[in-house]
Amino acid sequence: MNMYYDTPRDYVEGVYDELLYDDQPLGWDIIGTKDTVRAAKRETFLDYLDSWYRAPRMVAGVAGDVGEDVLERLQALLGDVQDGSTGRP
């Protein structure tokens, strides 16, 4: 996080976004703030994964000479991903 303070261009860009977008998502730092990172708990991440990483939101892309068993292989890798509602983004 501190590396953004080492590059004036990156720092000014963050300040500009904050001033322009105020408390809107476009003005937020992607990585968060030091306070939000410090406050994050393991449960926070597990809840996030449980809420958003569900089958309805997944896309599997394959390319190249994948063979005829590609669907079986995907099922073996992703078959235990829970289905369910993920809510609105």
PDB file of N, CA and C in Angstrom:
ATOM      1  N   MET A   1       0.811  -1.196   0.000  1.00  0.00           N
ATOM      2  CA  MET A   1       0.000   0.000   0.000  1.00  0.00           C
ATOM      3  C   MET A   1       0.855   1.260   0.000  1.00  0.00           C
ATOM      4  N   ASN A   2       1.894   1.228   0.773  1.00  0.00           N
ATOM      5  CA  ASN A   2       2.727   2.425   0.890  1.00  0.00           C
ATOM      6  C   ASN A   2       3.456   2.773  -0.397  1.00  0.00           C
ATOM      7  N   MET A   3       3.571   1.820  -1.319  1.00  0.00           N
ATOM      8  CA  MET A   3       4.307   2.097  -2.548  1.00  0.00           C
ATOM      9  C   MET A   3       3.632   3.188  -3.379  1.00  0.00           C
ATOM     10  N   TYR A   4       2.322   3.378  -3.216  1.00  0.00           N
ATOM     11  CA  TYR A   4       1.631   4.423  -3.976  1.00  0.00           C
ATOM     12  C   TYR A   4       2.082   5.816  -3.557  1.00  0.00           C
ATOM     13  N   TYR A   5       2.566   5.940  -2.345  1.00  0.00           N
ATOM     14  CA  TYR A   5       3.092   7.231  -1.894  1.00  0.00           C
ATOM     15  C   TYR A   5       4.467   7.514  -2.496  1.00  0.00           C
ATOM     16  N   ASP A   6       5.140   6.474  -2.989  1.00  0.00           N
ATOM     17  CA  ASP A   6       6.470   6.634  -3.574  1.00  0.00           C
ATOM     18  C   ASP A   6       6.425   7.163  -5.003  1.00  0.00           C
ATOM     19  N   THR A   7       5.287   7.021  -5.661  1.00  0.00           N
ATOM     20  CA  THR A   7       5.139   7.468  -7.043  1.00  0.00           C
ATOM     21  C   THR A   7       4.127   8.610  -7.069  1.00  0.00           C
ATOM     22  N   PRO A   8       4.599   9.838  -7.242  1.00  0.00           N
ATOM     23  CA  PRO A   8       3.688  10.989  -7.193  1.00  0.00           C
ATOM     24  C   PRO A   8       2.497  10.873  -8.138  1.00  0.00           C
ATOM     25  N   ARG A   9       2.723  10.359  -9.334  1.00  0.00           N
ATOM     26  CA  ARG A   9       1.625  10.232 -10.294  1.00  0.00           C
ATOM     27  C   ARG A   9       0.514   9.341  -9.740  1.00  0.00           C
ATOM     28  N   ASP A  10       0.875   8.208  -9.155  1.00  0.00           N
ATOM     29  CA  ASP A  10      -0.123   7.298  -8.591  1.00  0.00           C
ATOM     30  C   ASP A  10      -0.837   7.929  -7.402  1.00  0.00           C
ATOM     31  N   TYR A  11      -0.088   8.615  -6.581  1.00  0.00           N
ATOM     32  CA  TYR A  11      -0.680   9.261  -5.408  1.00  0.00           C
ATOM     33  C   TYR A  11      -1.674  10.341  -5.828  1.00  0.00           C
ATOM     34  N   VAL A  12      -1.276  11.192  -6.772  1.00  0.00           N
ATOM     35  CA  VAL A  12      -2.154  12.276  -7.234  1.00  0.00           C
ATOM     36  C   VAL A  12      -3.389  11.700  -7.919  1.00  0.00           C
ATOM     37  N   GLU A  13      -3.222  10.619  -8.654  1.00  0.00           N
ATOM     38  CA  GLU A  13      -4.371   9.973  -9.289  1.00  0.00           C
ATOM     39  C   GLU A  13      -5.386   9.516  -8.243  1.00  0.00           C
ATOM     40  N   GLY A  14      -4.902   8.950  -7.156  1.00  0.00           N
ATOM     41  CA  GLY A  14      -5.796   8.524  -6.080  1.00  0.00           C
ATOM     42  C   GLY A  14      -6.503   9.692  -5.427  1.00  0.00           C
ATOM     43  N   VAL A  15      -5.782  10.775  -5.191  1.00  0.00           N
ATOM     44  CA  VAL A  15      -6.388  11.978  -4.608  1.00  0.00           C
ATOM     45  C   VAL A  15      -7.428  12.550  -5.562  1.00  0.00           C
ATOM     46  N   TYR A  16      -7.109  12.603  -6.845  1.00  0.00           N
ATOM     47  CA  TYR A  16      -8.032  13.115  -7.860  1.00  0.00           C
ATOM     48  C   TYR A  16      -9.317  12.284  -7.885  1.00  0.00           C
ATOM     49  N   ASP A  17      -9.173  10.964  -7.927  1.00  0.00           N
ATOM     50  CA  ASP A  17     -10.356  10.095  -7.939  1.00  0.00           C
ATOM     51  C   ASP A  17     -11.203  10.298  -6.691  1.00  0.00           C
ATOM     52  N   GLU A  18     -10.553  10.442  -5.564  1.00  0.00           N
ATOM     53  CA  GLU A  18     -11.274  10.650  -4.309  1.00  0.00           C
ATOM     54  C   GLU A  18     -12.055  11.964  -4.340  1.00  0.00           C
ATOM     55  N   LEU A  19     -11.441  13.011  -4.866  1.00  0.00           N
ATOM     56  CA  LEU A  19     -12.113  14.310  -4.952  1.00  0.00           C
ATOM     57  C   LEU A  19     -13.232  14.293  -5.985  1.00  0.00           C
ATOM     58  N   LEU A  20     -12.988  13.652  -7.112  1.00  0.00           N
ATOM     59  CA  LEU A  20     -13.961  13.637  -8.198  1.00  0.00           C
ATOM     60  C   LEU A  20     -15.180  12.784  -7.870  1.00  0.00           C
ATOM     61  N   TYR A  21     -14.950  11.601  -7.327  1.00  0.00           N
ATOM     62  CA  TYR A  21     -16.041  10.648  -7.119  1.00  0.00           C
ATOM     63  C   TYR A  21     -16.548  10.592  -5.687  1.00  0.00           C
ATOM     64  N   ASP A  22     -15.892  11.258  -4.790  1.00  0.00           N
ATOM     65  CA  ASP A  22     -16.293  11.318  -3.389  1.00  0.00           C
ATOM     66  C   ASP A  22     -16.469   9.903  -2.835  1.00  0.00           C
ATOM     67  N   ASP A  23     -17.625   9.609  -2.268  1.00  0.00           N
ATOM     68  CA  ASP A  23     -17.835   8.311  -1.623  1.00  0.00           C
ATOM     69  C   ASP A  23     -18.551   7.327  -2.549  1.00  0.00           C
ATOM     70  N   GLN A  24     -18.212   7.357  -3.827  1.00  0.00           N
ATOM     71  CA  GLN A  24     -18.759   6.422  -4.800  1.00  0.00           C
ATOM     72  C   GLN A  24     -17.698   5.357  -5.084  1.00  0.00           C
ATOM     73  N   PRO A  25     -18.095   4.175  -5.513  1.00  0.00           N
ATOM     74  CA  PRO A  25     -17.124   3.105  -5.748  1.00  0.00           C
ATOM     75  C   PRO A  25     -15.976   3.486  -6.689  1.00  0.00           C
ATOM     76  N   LEU A  26     -16.230   4.338  -7.670  1.00  0.00           N
ATOM     77  CA  LEU A  26     -15.149   4.732  -8.579  1.00  0.00           C
ATOM     78  C   LEU A  26     -14.061   5.523  -7.873  1.00  0.00           C
ATOM     79  N   GLY A  27     -14.371   6.111  -6.753  1.00  0.00           N
ATOM     80  CA  GLY A  27     -13.387   6.881  -6.013  1.00  0.00           C
ATOM     81  C   GLY A  27     -12.659   6.090  -4.945  1.00  0.00           C
ATOM     82  N   TRP A  28     -13.028   4.843  -4.758  1.00  0.00           N
ATOM     83  CA  TRP A  28     -12.413   4.029  -3.717  1.00  0.00           C
ATOM     84  C   TRP A  28     -11.131   3.384  -4.234  1.00  0.00           C
ATOM     85  N   ASP A  29     -10.165   3.206  -3.363  1.00  0.00           N
ATOM     86  CA  ASP A  29      -8.963   2.454  -3.712  1.00  0.00           C
ATOM     87  C   ASP A  29      -9.334   0.984  -3.840  1.00  0.00           C
ATOM     88  N   ILE A  30      -8.826   0.348  -4.866  1.00  0.00           N
ATOM     89  CA  ILE A  30      -9.144  -1.063  -5.096  1.00  0.00           C
ATOM     90  C   ILE A  30      -8.694  -1.919  -3.920  1.00  0.00           C
ATOM     91  N   ILE A  31      -7.514  -1.646  -3.425  1.00  0.00           N
ATOM     92  CA  ILE A  31      -6.965  -2.446  -2.331  1.00  0.00           C
ATOM     93  C   ILE A  31      -7.584  -2.080  -0.984  1.00  0.00           C
ATOM     94  N   GLY A  32      -8.273  -0.962  -0.922  1.00  0.00           N
ATOM     95  CA  GLY A  32      -8.850  -0.499   0.331  1.00  0.00           C
ATOM     96  C   GLY A  32      -7.925   0.485   1.019  1.00  0.00           C
ATOM     97  N   THR A  33      -8.234   0.779   2.236  1.00  0.00           N
ATOM     98  CA  THR A  33      -7.395   1.668   3.033  1.00  0.00           C
ATOM     99  C   THR A  33      -6.674   0.838   4.086  1.00  0.00           C
ATOM    100  N   LYS A  34      -5.724   1.445   4.734  1.00  0.00           N
ATOM    101  CA  LYS A  34      -5.026   0.716   5.798  1.00  0.00           C
ATOM    102  C   LYS A  34      -6.014   0.283   6.878  1.00  0.00           C
ATOM    103  N   ASP A  35      -6.972   1.145   7.175  1.00  0.00           N
ATOM    104  CA  ASP A  35      -7.962   0.810   8.205  1.00  0.00           C
ATOM    105  C   ASP A  35      -8.835  -0.370   7.791  1.00  0.00           C
ATOM    106  N   THR A  36      -9.288  -0.386   6.525  1.00  0.00           N
ATOM    107  CA  THR A  36     -10.157  -1.485   6.100  1.00  0.00           C
ATOM    108  C   THR A  36      -9.391  -2.801   6.035  1.00  0.00           C
ATOM    109  N   VAL A  37      -8.132  -2.743   5.619  1.00  0.00           N
ATOM    110  CA  VAL A  37      -7.329  -3.968   5.564  1.00  0.00           C
ATOM    111  C   VAL A  37      -7.045  -4.480   6.972  1.00  0.00           C
ATOM    112  N   ARG A  38      -6.724  -3.583   7.869  1.00  0.00           N
ATOM    113  CA  ARG A  38      -6.465  -3.997   9.261  1.00  0.00           C
ATOM    114  C   ARG A  38      -7.719  -4.580   9.918  1.00  0.00           C
ATOM    115  N   ALA A  39      -8.874  -4.047   9.555  1.00  0.00           N
ATOM    116  CA  ALA A  39     -10.124  -4.489  10.171  1.00  0.00           C
ATOM    117  C   ALA A  39     -10.643  -5.802   9.585  1.00  0.00           C
ATOM    118  N   ALA A  40     -10.132  -6.210   8.434  1.00  0.00           N
ATOM    119  CA  ALA A  40     -10.628  -7.419   7.777  1.00  0.00           C
ATOM    120  C   ALA A  40     -10.269  -8.657   8.593  1.00  0.00           C
ATOM    121  N   LYS A  41     -11.222  -9.519   8.718  1.00  0.00           N
ATOM    122  CA  LYS A  41     -11.049 -10.779   9.440  1.00  0.00           C
ATOM    123  C   LYS A  41     -11.204 -11.940   8.457  1.00  0.00           C
ATOM    124  N   ARG A  42     -10.788 -13.090   8.863  1.00  0.00           N
ATOM    125  CA  ARG A  42     -10.925 -14.285   8.028  1.00  0.00           C
ATOM    126  C   ARG A  42     -12.384 -14.488   7.629  1.00  0.00           C
ATOM    127  N   GLU A  43     -13.282 -14.283   8.565  1.00  0.00           N
ATOM    128  CA  GLU A  43     -14.712 -14.442   8.290  1.00  0.00           C
ATOM    129  C   GLU A  43     -15.183 -13.504   7.183  1.00  0.00           C
ATOM    130  N   THR A  44     -14.602 -12.315   7.117  1.00  0.00           N
ATOM    131  CA  THR A  44     -14.965 -11.352   6.073  1.00  0.00           C
ATOM    132  C   THR A  44     -14.717 -11.963   4.699  1.00  0.00           C
ATOM    133  N   PHE A  45     -13.554 -12.568   4.515  1.00  0.00           N
ATOM    134  CA  PHE A  45     -13.213 -13.166   3.232  1.00  0.00           C
ATOM    135  C   PHE A  45     -14.047 -14.411   2.949  1.00  0.00           C
ATOM    136  N   LEU A  46     -14.268 -15.227   3.952  1.00  0.00           N
ATOM    137  CA  LEU A  46     -15.080 -16.426   3.756  1.00  0.00           C
ATOM    138  C   LEU A  46     -16.514 -16.067   3.401  1.00  0.00           C
ATOM    139  N   ASP A  47     -17.067 -15.050   4.042  1.00  0.00           N
ATOM    140  CA  ASP A  47     -18.417 -14.592   3.707  1.00  0.00           C
ATOM    141  C   ASP A  47     -18.482 -14.082   2.276  1.00  0.00           C
ATOM    142  N   TYR A  48     -17.443 -13.354   1.864  1.00  0.00           N
ATOM    143  CA  TYR A  48     -17.389 -12.835   0.496  1.00  0.00           C
ATOM    144  C   TYR A  48     -17.364 -13.987  -0.508  1.00  0.00           C
ATOM    145  N   LEU A  49     -16.504 -14.954  -0.265  1.00  0.00           N
ATOM    146  CA  LEU A  49     -16.429 -16.107  -1.161  1.00  0.00           C
ATOM    147  C   LEU A  49     -17.753 -16.849  -1.211  1.00  0.00           C
ATOM    148  N   ASP A  50     -18.371 -17.039  -0.064  1.00  0.00           N
ATOM    149  CA  ASP A  50     -19.636 -17.758   0.000  1.00  0.00           C
ATOM    150  C   ASP A  50     -20.754 -17.003  -0.712  1.00  0.00           C
ATOM    151  N   SER A  51     -20.695 -15.681  -0.697  1.00  0.00           N
ATOM    152  CA  SER A  51     -21.739 -14.872  -1.319  1.00  0.00           C
ATOM    153  C   SER A  51     -21.604 -14.781  -2.831  1.00  0.00           C
ATOM    154  N   TRP A  52     -20.387 -14.708  -3.340  1.00  0.00           N
ATOM    155  CA  TRP A  52     -20.195 -14.378  -4.748  1.00  0.00           C
ATOM    156  C   TRP A  52     -19.617 -15.493  -5.596  1.00  0.00           C
ATOM    157  N   TYR A  53     -18.893 -16.422  -5.020  1.00  0.00           N
ATOM    158  CA  TYR A  53     -18.286 -17.483  -5.816  1.00  0.00           C
ATOM    159  C   TYR A  53     -19.213 -18.683  -5.854  1.00  0.00           C
ATOM    160  N   ARG A  54     -20.241 -18.558  -6.664  1.00  0.00           N
ATOM    161  CA  ARG A  54     -21.257 -19.590  -6.837  1.00  0.00           C
ATOM    162  C   ARG A  54     -21.367 -19.932  -8.317  1.00  0.00           C
ATOM    163  N   ALA A  55     -21.912 -21.086  -8.594  1.00  0.00           N
ATOM    164  CA  ALA A  55     -22.024 -21.566  -9.966  1.00  0.00           C
ATOM    165  C   ALA A  55     -22.706 -20.577 -10.915  1.00  0.00           C
ATOM    166  N   PRO A  56     -23.779 -19.884 -10.519  1.00  0.00           N
ATOM    167  CA  PRO A  56     -24.416 -18.968 -11.465  1.00  0.00           C
ATOM    168  C   PRO A  56     -23.505 -17.829 -11.945  1.00  0.00           C
ATOM    169  N   ARG A  57     -22.443 -17.530 -11.223  1.00  0.00           N
ATOM    170  CA  ARG A  57     -21.547 -16.441 -11.612  1.00  0.00           C
ATOM    171  C   ARG A  57     -20.253 -16.931 -12.262  1.00  0.00           C
ATOM    172  N   MET A  58     -20.143 -18.214 -12.505  1.00  0.00           N
ATOM    173  CA  MET A  58     -18.897 -18.754 -13.046  1.00  0.00           C
ATOM    174  C   MET A  58     -19.004 -19.029 -14.533  1.00  0.00           C
ATOM    175  N   VAL A  59     -17.894 -18.810 -15.197  1.00  0.00           N
ATOM    176  CA  VAL A  59     -17.751 -19.145 -16.607  1.00  0.00           C
ATOM    177  C   VAL A  59     -16.440 -19.902 -16.744  1.00  0.00           C
ATOM    178  N   ALA A  60     -16.493 -21.042 -17.387  1.00  0.00           N
ATOM    179  CA  ALA A  60     -15.274 -21.809 -17.637  1.00  0.00           C
ATOM    180  C   ALA A  60     -14.924 -21.663 -19.111  1.00  0.00           C
ATOM    181  N   GLY A  61     -13.740 -21.193 -19.379  1.00  0.00           N
ATOM    182  CA  GLY A  61     -13.277 -21.044 -20.754  1.00  0.00           C
ATOM    183  C   GLY A  61     -12.145 -22.018 -21.029  1.00  0.00           C
ATOM    184  N   VAL A  62     -12.227 -22.692 -22.140  1.00  0.00           N
ATOM    185  CA  VAL A  62     -11.172 -23.619 -22.530  1.00  0.00           C
ATOM    186  C   VAL A  62     -10.769 -23.311 -23.966  1.00  0.00           C
ATOM    187  N   ALA A  63      -9.530 -23.584 -24.290  1.00  0.00           N
ATOM    188  CA  ALA A  63      -9.037 -23.316 -25.638  1.00  0.00           C
ATOM    189  C   ALA A  63      -7.981 -24.345 -26.000  1.00  0.00           C
ATOM    190  N   GLY A  64      -7.792 -24.503 -27.266  1.00  0.00           N
ATOM    191  CA  GLY A  64      -6.746 -25.398 -27.734  1.00  0.00           C
ATOM    192  C   GLY A  64      -7.241 -26.822 -27.897  1.00  0.00           C
ATOM    193  N   ASP A  65      -6.325 -27.736 -27.935  1.00  0.00           N
ATOM    194  CA  ASP A  65      -6.630 -29.151 -28.124  1.00  0.00           C
ATOM    195  C   ASP A  65      -7.010 -29.760 -26.779  1.00  0.00           C
ATOM    196  N   VAL A  66      -8.243 -29.523 -26.358  1.00  0.00           N
ATOM    197  CA  VAL A  66      -8.665 -29.903 -25.013  1.00  0.00           C
ATOM    198  C   VAL A  66      -9.160 -31.340 -24.911  1.00  0.00           C
ATOM    199  N   GLY A  67      -9.509 -31.937 -25.993  1.00  0.00           N
ATOM    200  CA  GLY A  67      -9.966 -33.320 -25.957  1.00  0.00           C
ATOM    201  C   GLY A  67     -11.453 -33.434 -25.698  1.00  0.00           C
ATOM    202  N   GLU A  68     -11.963 -34.635 -25.934  1.00  0.00           N
ATOM    203  CA  GLU A  68     -13.399 -34.872 -25.811  1.00  0.00           C
ATOM    204  C   GLU A  68     -13.870 -34.968 -24.367  1.00  0.00           C
ATOM    205  N   ASP A  69     -12.958 -35.179 -23.438  1.00  0.00           N
ATOM    206  CA  ASP A  69     -13.343 -35.352 -22.040  1.00  0.00           C
ATOM    207  C   ASP A  69     -13.357 -34.038 -21.259  1.00  0.00           C
ATOM    208  N   VAL A  70     -13.370 -32.915 -21.960  1.00  0.00           N
ATOM    209  CA  VAL A  70     -13.271 -31.621 -21.281  1.00  0.00           C
ATOM    210  C   VAL A  70     -14.429 -31.394 -20.307  1.00  0.00           C
ATOM    211  N   LEU A  71     -15.642 -31.787 -20.678  1.00  0.00           N
ATOM    212  CA  LEU A  71     -16.782 -31.587 -19.776  1.00  0.00           C
ATOM    213  C   LEU A  71     -16.649 -32.442 -18.520  1.00  0.00           C
ATOM    214  N   GLU A  72     -16.181 -33.662 -18.678  1.00  0.00           N
ATOM    215  CA  GLU A  72     -15.985 -34.519 -17.514  1.00  0.00           C
ATOM    216  C   GLU A  72     -14.896 -33.954 -16.600  1.00  0.00           C
ATOM    217  N   ARG A  73     -13.851 -33.427 -17.190  1.00  0.00           N
ATOM    218  CA  ARG A  73     -12.766 -32.850 -16.394  1.00  0.00           C
ATOM    219  C   ARG A  73     -13.244 -31.609 -15.640  1.00  0.00           C
ATOM    220  N   LEU A  74     -14.030 -30.768 -16.313  1.00  0.00           N
ATOM    221  CA  LEU A  74     -14.580 -29.586 -15.635  1.00  0.00           C
ATOM    222  C   LEU A  74     -15.509 -29.997 -14.499  1.00  0.00           C
ATOM    223  N   GLN A  75     -16.316 -31.009 -14.742  1.00  0.00           N
ATOM    224  CA  GLN A  75     -17.221 -31.494 -13.697  1.00  0.00           C
ATOM    225  C   GLN A  75     -16.429 -32.000 -12.498  1.00  0.00           C
ATOM    226  N   ALA A  76     -15.326 -32.684 -12.750  1.00  0.00           N
ATOM    227  CA  ALA A  76     -14.495 -33.191 -11.657  1.00  0.00           C
ATOM    228  C   ALA A  76     -13.861 -32.045 -10.873  1.00  0.00           C
ATOM    229  N   LEU A  77     -13.481 -30.984 -11.570  1.00  0.00           N
ATOM    230  CA  LEU A  77     -12.835 -29.846 -10.908  1.00  0.00           C
ATOM    231  C   LEU A  77     -13.825 -28.922 -10.207  1.00  0.00           C
ATOM    232  N   LEU A  78     -14.985 -28.708 -10.828  1.00  0.00           N
ATOM    233  CA  LEU A  78     -15.916 -27.696 -10.328  1.00  0.00           C
ATOM    234  C   LEU A  78     -17.241 -28.262  -9.844  1.00  0.00           C
ATOM    235  N   GLY A  79     -17.382 -29.563  -9.864  1.00  0.00           N
ATOM    236  CA  GLY A  79     -18.661 -30.176  -9.529  1.00  0.00           C
ATOM    237  C   GLY A  79     -19.150 -29.914  -8.123  1.00  0.00           C
ATOM    238  N   ASP A  80     -18.249 -29.622  -7.203  1.00  0.00           N
ATOM    239  CA  ASP A  80     -18.678 -29.397  -5.821  1.00  0.00           C
ATOM    240  C   ASP A  80     -18.955 -27.928  -5.508  1.00  0.00           C
ATOM    241  N   VAL A  81     -18.873 -27.056  -6.523  1.00  0.00           N
ATOM    242  CA  VAL A  81     -19.211 -25.646  -6.310  1.00  0.00           C
ATOM    243  C   VAL A  81     -20.708 -25.554  -6.076  1.00  0.00           C
ATOM    244  N   GLN A  82     -21.081 -24.905  -5.000  1.00  0.00           N
ATOM    245  CA  GLN A  82     -22.491 -24.840  -4.633  1.00  0.00           C
ATOM    246  C   GLN A  82     -23.273 -23.941  -5.578  1.00  0.00           C
ATOM    247  N   ASP A  83     -24.448 -24.411  -5.917  1.00  0.00           N
ATOM    248  CA  ASP A  83     -25.376 -23.597  -6.684  1.00  0.00           C
ATOM    249  C   ASP A  83     -26.083 -22.676  -5.704  1.00  0.00           C
ATOM    250  N   GLY A  84     -26.755 -21.697  -6.198  1.00  0.00           N
ATOM    251  CA  GLY A  84     -27.517 -20.842  -5.308  1.00  0.00           C
ATOM    252  C   GLY A  84     -27.497 -19.403  -5.748  1.00  0.00           C
ATOM    253  N   SER A  85     -28.264 -18.623  -5.064  1.00  0.00           N
ATOM    254  CA  SER A  85     -28.387 -17.212  -5.390  1.00  0.00           C
ATOM    255  C   SER A  85     -27.180 -16.438  -4.875  1.00  0.00           C
ATOM    256  N   THR A  86     -26.739 -15.484  -5.672  1.00  0.00           N
ATOM    257  CA  THR A  86     -25.609 -14.658  -5.271  1.00  0.00           C
ATOM    258  C   THR A  86     -26.014 -13.217  -5.020  1.00  0.00           C
ATOM    259  N   GLY A  87     -27.266 -12.903  -5.224  1.00  0.00           N
ATOM    260  CA  GLY A  87     -27.697 -11.523  -5.016  1.00  0.00           C
ATOM    261  C   GLY A  87     -27.256 -10.629  -6.154  1.00  0.00           C
ATOM    262  N   ARG A  88     -27.578  -9.376  -6.031  1.00  0.00           N
ATOM    263  CA  ARG A  88     -27.220  -8.405  -7.060  1.00  0.00           C
ATOM    264  C   ARG A  88     -25.830  -7.853  -6.784  1.00  0.00           C
ATOM    265  N   PRO A  89     -25.051  -7.629  -7.857  1.00  0.00           N
ATOM    266  CA  PRO A  89     -23.707  -7.073  -7.661  1.00  0.00           C
ATOM    267  C   PRO A  89     -23.750  -5.638  -7.182  1.00  0.00           C
TER     268      PRO A  89
END
